[in-house]
Amino acid sequence: MLIDNTISYQEYIEDCEVCCNPIQISVKFLNRELIDFQANSIEQ
């Protein structure tokens, strides 16, 4: 996955490339440096 490090906070849902189940992605950047990354399964 590609993440834009010019946006300080991003949250979106993406399908898993292996099982196709949705995953909620949350990322935080500070001065273009990744400070937090979370990927949580969204049960269907």
Protein backbone atom coordinates (compact mmCIF):
# COMPACT_ATOMS: atom_id res chain seq x y z
CA MET A 1 0.00 0.00 0.00
CA LEU A 2 1.10 3.53 -0.68
CA ILE A 3 0.56 6.20 1.97
CA ASP A 4 0.96 9.94 1.39
CA ASN A 5 3.27 11.31 4.10
CA THR A 6 2.31 14.92 3.34
CA ILE A 7 -1.06 14.44 5.11
CA SER A 8 -0.63 14.36 8.90
CA TYR A 9 -3.58 12.05 9.69
CA GLN A 10 -5.29 9.54 7.43
CA GLU A 11 -7.97 6.94 8.07
CA TYR A 12 -9.54 4.78 5.39
CA ILE A 13 -10.79 1.28 4.61
CA GLU A 14 -8.96 -1.00 2.20
CA ASP A 15 -9.57 -4.60 1.18
CA CYS A 16 -6.94 -7.15 2.22
CA GLU A 17 -4.90 -8.29 -0.79
CA VAL A 18 -4.94 -11.90 0.46
CA CYS A 19 -8.44 -12.56 1.83
CA CYS A 20 -10.37 -9.53 0.44
CA ASN A 21 -11.82 -8.68 3.88
CA PRO A 22 -11.97 -4.97 4.76
CA ILE A 23 -9.23 -3.48 6.95
CA GLN A 24 -9.41 -0.07 8.63
CA ILE A 25 -6.08 1.72 8.19
CA SER A 26 -5.07 4.66 10.42
CA VAL A 27 -1.75 6.48 10.04
CA LYS A 28 -0.24 9.58 11.63
CA PHE A 29 2.76 11.56 10.42
CA LEU A 30 4.71 14.32 12.13
CA ASN A 31 6.99 16.32 9.86
CA ARG A 32 6.58 13.60 7.21
CA GLU A 33 7.82 10.93 9.67
CA LEU A 34 5.50 8.03 10.49
CA ILE A 35 4.63 8.11 14.20
CA ASP A 36 1.63 5.74 14.34
CA PHE A 37 0.21 2.98 12.13
CA GLN A 38 -2.79 0.79 12.88
CA ALA A 39 -4.49 -1.83 10.75
CA ASN A 40 -7.65 -3.38 12.19
CA SER A 41 -9.82 -6.07 10.65
CA ILE A 42 -13.43 -5.11 10.15
CA GLU A 43 -15.45 -8.26 10.81
CA GLN A 44 -18.22 -8.94 8.30
